[in-house]
Amino acid sequence: MYKDSFFLSEIGRCDMGIFGLTANQMILMFLFLAVGWVFQKKNLLPKESDATMSKLENMVFMPCLVLNTFISRCTIENLKMKAPFFIYGCIFLGVAILFAFLLTPFFVEEKNQVGIYRYSFSVANIAFMGNAVVEGVFGEEILFDYLIFTLPINIFINSVGISWLMPNKKSQPYYQKLMNPINIASVIGIILGLWNVSLPNVLSRFLGVGAACMFPVAMLLTGFVIGRFSVKELLKMRRVYWVSCYRLIILPLILFCVMRWIVTPNEIRDVVICAYSMPLGLNTIIIPAAYGGDTTLGASMALVSNLLAFVTIPVLFGFFL
């Protein structure tokens, strides 16, 4: 999908087809986010509804999406061809973590913020937001590439990443964190795909319908969680704007330039831009809250980055994909 011109000509033009598709998808997601925010502010749902939606996402809808994609796409031939996606996923994750360690000291004001900044500089909302955007704009084929590329990122998030966000450092062993429904669904999906197992029609439909629920519930959850806080107060945190700009604009541009320099395959560049242009996620709210930590910084990051992403993602996709 990339043009074959030099970088300067890339930024001088925009693929309006991709821009329009992405903009429509982002508007749709924003509407669901707004509904979640209104439901929180108007007390139209019980206060514990975010926990319920989070469990549905992590234990039902996301595993359905992963299973549905991997079962249909995960053949021996595909895995051989897609191995570079996993390798590049590890490489770029390492680059992002390196930048995170370098940048975090310039932003931290209190010791308990170190893990939040380090996590936010390293990873973004590649699952709830990323999967929804990629599938909605590019379809299931590119989603499979994206899932392979983000597999090492998900492993990192569910082990080291989460430990950074735990204020009192009380943590399960990493191997126990890896045994979560999404990672388990990935393994099962790969096995069933390699064995070319045909699921009963009703089960295939169940996975398809469950996968379709992932994106609206994810955005409802995002809006509902952000709605717990004062928007005015969250928007006052100036350092969050720099973090958001880094994640949404600066880092994707840096990686794009590097990929042009080392002549990375177009398919790899597609998923790199998709993964590293996503906004900051909800783990910076959910994990500290579960351990009695301060969630204000994480909520500000989620609000600001998601609002900016509704503009930056269509622009980046239009120019570079």
Protein backbone atom coordinates (compact mmCIF):
# COMPACT_ATOMS: atom_id res chain seq x y z
CA MET A 1 0.00 0.00 0.00
CA TYR A 2 2.99 2.28 0.31
CA LYS A 3 3.98 4.47 -2.57
CA ASP A 4 7.48 3.87 -3.99
CA SER A 5 8.57 7.49 -3.88
CA PHE A 6 11.05 9.06 -1.50
CA PHE A 7 10.06 10.22 1.99
CA LEU A 8 9.63 13.88 1.05
CA SER A 9 7.17 13.03 -1.68
CA GLU A 10 5.36 10.71 0.78
CA ILE A 11 4.56 13.54 3.14
CA GLY A 12 3.52 15.77 0.27
CA ARG A 13 0.49 13.76 -0.69
CA CYS A 14 -2.24 11.81 1.01
CA ASP A 15 -4.18 8.75 -0.11
CA MET A 16 -7.68 10.12 0.33
CA GLY A 17 -9.20 6.65 0.06
CA ILE A 18 -7.29 5.36 3.08
CA PHE A 19 -7.78 8.71 4.84
CA GLY A 20 -11.55 8.55 4.32
CA LEU A 21 -11.87 4.93 5.45
CA THR A 22 -9.78 5.61 8.55
CA ALA A 23 -11.60 8.84 9.36
CA ASN A 24 -14.97 7.07 9.12
CA GLN A 25 -13.72 4.29 11.38
CA MET A 26 -12.40 6.78 13.93
CA ILE A 27 -15.69 8.72 13.92
CA LEU A 28 -17.57 5.50 14.52
CA MET A 29 -15.27 4.64 17.42
CA PHE A 30 -15.57 8.14 18.86
CA LEU A 31 -19.36 7.82 18.90
CA PHE A 32 -19.16 4.63 20.95
CA LEU A 33 -16.62 6.27 23.27
CA ALA A 34 -18.96 9.24 23.71
CA VAL A 35 -21.86 6.91 24.57
CA GLY A 36 -19.72 5.23 27.26
CA TRP A 37 -18.75 8.64 28.65
CA VAL A 38 -22.40 9.79 28.80
CA PHE A 39 -23.49 6.55 30.49
CA GLN A 40 -20.88 7.13 33.19
CA LYS A 41 -21.67 10.81 33.72
CA LYS A 42 -25.45 10.21 33.83
CA ASN A 43 -25.15 7.11 36.03
CA LEU A 44 -27.07 5.05 33.49
CA LEU A 45 -25.05 1.93 34.33
CA PRO A 46 -23.85 0.50 37.65
CA LYS A 47 -20.44 1.78 38.77
CA GLU A 48 -18.86 -1.66 38.39
CA SER A 49 -19.89 -1.88 34.71
CA ASP A 50 -16.33 -1.12 33.57
CA ALA A 51 -15.12 -4.27 35.33
CA THR A 52 -17.85 -6.27 33.60
CA MET A 53 -17.02 -4.86 30.17
CA SER A 54 -13.31 -5.41 30.75
CA LYS A 55 -13.90 -9.06 31.61
CA LEU A 56 -16.09 -9.54 28.53
CA GLU A 57 -13.39 -7.97 26.35
CA ASN A 58 -10.52 -9.98 27.78
CA MET A 59 -12.30 -13.29 28.31
CA VAL A 60 -14.78 -13.45 25.42
CA PHE A 61 -14.64 -10.87 22.62
CA MET A 62 -10.86 -10.50 22.16
CA PRO A 63 -10.27 -14.28 22.27
CA CYS A 64 -13.08 -14.68 19.70
CA LEU A 65 -11.38 -12.17 17.39
CA VAL A 66 -7.98 -13.84 17.76
CA LEU A 67 -9.38 -17.35 17.29
CA ASN A 68 -11.50 -16.33 14.32
CA THR A 69 -8.51 -14.77 12.56
CA PHE A 70 -5.85 -17.35 13.42
CA ILE A 71 -7.98 -20.41 12.60
CA SER A 72 -8.70 -19.14 9.09
CA ARG A 73 -5.24 -17.69 8.36
CA CYS A 74 -2.75 -19.78 10.33
CA THR A 75 -1.42 -22.32 7.85
CA ILE A 76 2.14 -23.64 7.65
CA GLU A 77 2.69 -21.65 4.47
CA ASN A 78 1.38 -18.47 6.05
CA LEU A 79 3.48 -18.87 9.19
CA LYS A 80 6.62 -19.36 7.10
CA MET A 81 5.80 -16.21 5.16
CA LYS A 82 4.75 -14.25 8.27
CA ALA A 83 7.75 -15.15 10.48
CA PRO A 84 9.41 -11.79 9.63
CA PHE A 85 6.42 -9.99 11.18
CA PHE A 86 7.16 -11.62 14.55
CA ILE A 87 10.89 -10.88 14.26
CA TYR A 88 10.30 -7.23 13.36
CA GLY A 89 7.76 -7.04 16.19
CA CYS A 90 10.50 -8.02 18.65
CA ILE A 91 13.01 -5.59 17.12
CA PHE A 92 10.73 -2.55 17.15
CA LEU A 93 9.52 -3.38 20.65
CA GLY A 94 13.15 -3.32 21.78
CA VAL A 95 13.62 0.08 20.12
CA ALA A 96 10.48 1.48 21.80
CA ILE A 97 11.60 0.20 25.23
CA LEU A 98 15.04 1.77 24.75
CA PHE A 99 13.43 5.14 23.95
CA ALA A 100 11.17 4.71 26.98
CA PHE A 101 14.10 4.35 29.38
CA LEU A 102 15.79 7.38 27.82
CA LEU A 103 12.73 9.64 27.91
CA THR A 104 11.09 8.72 31.22
CA PRO A 105 13.52 10.65 33.51
CA PHE A 106 12.62 13.91 31.73
CA PHE A 107 8.90 13.54 32.54
CA VAL A 108 8.66 11.94 35.98
CA GLU A 109 7.66 14.29 38.79
CA GLU A 110 7.07 11.66 41.47
CA LYS A 111 8.66 8.24 41.98
CA ASN A 112 5.35 6.40 41.57
CA GLN A 113 5.03 7.77 38.02
CA VAL A 114 8.13 6.00 36.69
CA GLY A 115 6.32 2.81 35.69
CA ILE A 116 3.40 4.68 34.09
CA TYR A 117 5.64 6.83 31.89
CA ARG A 118 7.93 3.93 31.02
CA TYR A 119 4.95 1.77 30.05
CA SER A 120 3.30 4.56 28.04
CA PHE A 121 6.45 5.32 26.06
CA SER A 122 6.93 1.60 25.32
CA VAL A 123 3.49 0.39 24.23
CA ALA A 124 0.15 1.77 23.10
CA ASN A 125 -3.42 0.50 22.78
CA ILE A 126 -2.54 -2.15 20.19
CA ALA A 127 -5.36 -4.49 21.19
CA PHE A 128 -8.70 -2.77 21.85
CA MET A 129 -8.06 0.21 19.57
CA GLY A 130 -5.49 -1.29 17.21
CA ASN A 131 -7.38 -4.45 16.31
CA ALA A 132 -10.57 -2.48 15.72
CA VAL A 133 -8.89 0.11 13.49
CA VAL A 134 -6.89 -2.41 11.44
CA GLU A 135 -9.83 -4.75 10.86
CA GLY A 136 -12.22 -1.90 10.12
CA VAL A 137 -9.92 -0.17 7.63
CA PHE A 138 -7.90 -2.98 6.04
CA GLY A 139 -9.82 -6.19 6.69
CA GLU A 140 -8.97 -9.62 8.08
CA GLU A 141 -5.92 -10.32 5.90
CA ILE A 142 -3.94 -7.34 7.23
CA LEU A 143 -5.34 -8.01 10.70
CA PHE A 144 -3.59 -11.40 10.65
CA ASP A 145 -0.27 -9.73 9.80
CA TYR A 146 -0.92 -7.22 12.57
CA LEU A 147 -1.67 -9.92 15.15
CA ILE A 148 1.57 -11.75 14.33
CA PHE A 149 3.54 -8.49 14.56
CA THR A 150 1.98 -7.47 17.90
CA LEU A 151 2.30 -10.94 19.48
CA PRO A 152 5.64 -10.13 21.19
CA ILE A 153 4.21 -6.77 22.30
CA ASN A 154 1.23 -8.52 23.91
CA ILE A 155 3.55 -10.96 25.66
CA PHE A 156 5.56 -8.02 26.98
CA ILE A 157 2.43 -6.15 28.12
CA ASN A 158 1.08 -9.17 30.00
CA SER A 159 4.34 -9.76 31.83
CA VAL A 160 6.90 -6.98 32.27
CA GLY A 161 4.56 -4.15 31.24
CA ILE A 162 1.90 -4.85 33.83
CA SER A 163 4.52 -5.23 36.57
CA TRP A 164 5.66 -1.65 35.85
CA LEU A 165 2.14 -0.39 36.57
CA MET A 166 1.71 -2.15 39.92
CA PRO A 167 2.32 0.50 42.63
CA ASN A 168 3.15 -1.90 45.46
CA LYS A 169 4.93 -4.38 43.20
CA LYS A 170 2.77 -7.25 44.42
CA SER A 171 2.72 -9.33 41.33
CA GLN A 172 2.05 -12.80 39.99
CA PRO A 173 4.98 -14.62 38.40
CA TYR A 174 5.36 -13.71 34.73
CA TYR A 175 4.43 -17.21 33.55
CA GLN A 176 1.07 -16.92 35.33
CA LYS A 177 0.36 -13.58 33.66
CA LEU A 178 1.04 -15.14 30.27
CA MET A 179 -1.71 -17.69 30.91
CA ASN A 180 -4.49 -15.25 30.04
CA PRO A 181 -7.42 -15.87 27.66
CA ILE A 182 -5.98 -13.81 24.79
CA ASN A 183 -2.61 -15.57 24.76
CA ILE A 184 -4.30 -18.95 25.20
CA ALA A 185 -6.64 -18.15 22.29
CA SER A 186 -3.61 -17.30 20.14
CA VAL A 187 -2.00 -20.68 20.82
CA ILE A 188 -5.26 -22.59 20.25
CA GLY A 189 -5.93 -20.63 17.06
CA ILE A 190 -2.46 -21.40 15.70
CA ILE A 191 -2.84 -25.12 16.50
CA LEU A 192 -6.31 -25.41 14.95
CA GLY A 193 -5.19 -23.44 11.91
CA LEU A 194 -2.12 -25.63 11.37
CA TRP A 195 -4.21 -28.76 11.67
CA ASN A 196 -6.75 -27.28 9.26
CA VAL A 197 -9.59 -28.02 11.67
CA SER A 198 -13.06 -27.11 10.42
CA LEU A 199 -15.25 -25.90 13.24
CA PRO A 200 -19.00 -26.64 13.31
CA ASN A 201 -20.97 -23.88 11.64
CA VAL A 202 -22.62 -22.72 14.86
CA LEU A 203 -19.22 -22.41 16.58
CA SER A 204 -17.78 -20.47 13.64
CA ARG A 205 -20.74 -18.10 13.80
CA PHE A 206 -20.24 -17.73 17.57
CA LEU A 207 -16.62 -16.67 17.04
CA GLY A 208 -17.62 -14.29 14.25
CA VAL A 209 -20.35 -12.60 16.29
CA GLY A 210 -18.12 -12.44 19.37
CA ALA A 211 -15.32 -10.85 17.33
CA ALA A 212 -17.74 -8.25 15.99
CA CYS A 213 -18.58 -7.21 19.56
CA MET A 214 -14.94 -6.47 20.43
CA PHE A 215 -14.64 -2.96 19.02
CA PRO A 216 -17.92 -1.35 20.23
CA VAL A 217 -17.53 -2.73 23.75
CA ALA A 218 -13.86 -1.62 23.83
CA MET A 219 -14.80 1.95 23.01
CA LEU A 220 -17.76 1.95 25.41
CA LEU A 221 -15.33 0.78 28.10
CA THR A 222 -12.84 3.54 27.22
CA GLY A 223 -15.49 6.25 27.44
CA PHE A 224 -16.95 4.80 30.62
CA VAL A 225 -13.58 4.72 32.40
CA ILE A 226 -12.59 8.24 31.29
CA GLY A 227 -16.01 9.48 32.41
CA ARG A 228 -15.04 8.82 36.03
CA PHE A 229 -12.74 11.84 35.96
CA SER A 230 -13.11 15.56 35.47
CA VAL A 231 -12.28 16.30 31.83
CA LYS A 232 -11.19 19.82 32.74
CA GLU A 233 -8.65 18.56 35.29
CA LEU A 234 -7.31 15.85 33.00
CA LEU A 235 -6.74 18.32 30.17
CA LYS A 236 -4.58 20.54 32.41
CA MET A 237 -1.70 18.07 32.63
CA ARG A 238 0.69 19.58 30.08
CA ARG A 239 3.31 16.83 30.09
CA VAL A 240 0.67 14.39 28.90
CA TYR A 241 0.38 16.32 25.63
CA TRP A 242 4.09 15.76 24.96
CA VAL A 243 3.77 12.06 25.72
CA SER A 244 0.74 11.80 23.44
CA CYS A 245 2.45 13.67 20.60
CA TYR A 246 5.45 11.40 20.93
CA ARG A 247 3.33 8.24 20.78
CA LEU A 248 0.96 9.44 18.06
CA ILE A 249 3.26 11.44 15.78
CA ILE A 250 6.98 11.54 16.63
CA LEU A 251 7.61 7.81 17.20
CA PRO A 252 5.70 6.67 14.07
CA LEU A 253 7.63 9.23 11.99
CA ILE A 254 10.97 8.11 13.43
CA LEU A 255 10.17 4.46 12.73
CA PHE A 256 8.96 5.30 9.23
CA CYS A 257 12.23 7.07 8.43
CA VAL A 258 14.24 4.15 9.82
CA MET A 259 12.24 1.68 7.74
CA ARG A 260 12.78 3.74 4.59
CA TRP A 261 16.49 3.84 5.34
CA ILE A 262 16.86 0.07 5.85
CA VAL A 263 14.42 -0.70 2.99
CA THR A 264 11.86 -2.58 5.06
CA PRO A 265 9.21 -4.53 3.10
CA ASN A 266 6.01 -2.57 2.53
CA GLU A 267 3.88 -5.11 4.41
CA ILE A 268 6.05 -4.73 7.51
CA ARG A 269 5.88 -0.95 7.31
CA ASP A 270 2.09 -1.13 7.18
CA VAL A 271 1.74 -2.97 10.48
CA VAL A 272 4.50 -0.94 12.17
CA ILE A 273 2.67 2.31 11.41
CA CYS A 274 -0.63 0.76 12.51
CA ALA A 275 0.76 -0.51 15.83
CA TYR A 276 2.83 2.54 16.75
CA SER A 277 0.30 5.21 15.85
CA MET A 278 -2.31 3.99 18.35
CA PRO A 279 -3.22 6.07 21.43
CA LEU A 280 -2.34 5.19 25.01
CA GLY A 281 -4.42 2.44 26.55
CA LEU A 282 -6.43 1.87 29.71
CA ASN A 283 -3.94 -0.29 31.60
CA THR A 284 -2.42 2.87 33.10
CA ILE A 285 -5.80 3.36 34.81
CA ILE A 286 -7.00 -0.19 35.45
CA ILE A 287 -3.82 -1.72 36.89
CA PRO A 288 -2.91 1.09 39.35
CA ALA A 289 -6.56 1.26 40.45
CA ALA A 290 -6.58 -2.43 41.26
CA TYR A 291 -3.59 -1.93 43.59
CA GLY A 292 -4.61 1.32 45.22
CA GLY A 293 -2.43 3.59 43.11
CA ASP A 294 -3.14 7.04 41.72
CA THR A 295 -5.00 6.84 38.40
CA THR A 296 -5.14 10.54 37.50
CA LEU A 297 -2.04 10.52 35.28
CA GLY A 298 -3.16 7.40 33.43
CA ALA A 299 -6.65 8.81 32.89
CA SER A 300 -5.21 12.04 31.51
CA MET A 301 -3.02 10.06 29.10
CA ALA A 302 -5.97 7.98 27.93
CA LEU A 303 -8.23 11.01 27.40
CA VAL A 304 -5.74 13.28 25.64
CA SER A 305 -4.19 10.61 23.44
CA ASN A 306 -7.55 9.18 22.36
CA LEU A 307 -8.91 12.62 21.47
CA LEU A 308 -5.79 13.46 19.44
CA ALA A 309 -5.79 10.03 17.81
CA PHE A 310 -9.10 10.69 16.10
CA VAL A 311 -7.17 13.23 14.00
CA THR A 312 -3.63 11.84 13.87
CA ILE A 313 -4.46 8.25 12.85
CA PRO A 314 -6.40 9.15 9.66
CA VAL A 315 -3.67 11.64 8.69
CA LEU A 316 -0.80 9.17 9.25
CA PHE A 317 -2.65 6.37 7.49
CA GLY A 318 -3.51 8.66 4.58
CA PHE A 319 0.10 9.77 4.10
CA PHE A 320 2.00 6.56 4.80
CA LEU A 321 -0.29 3.60 4.02
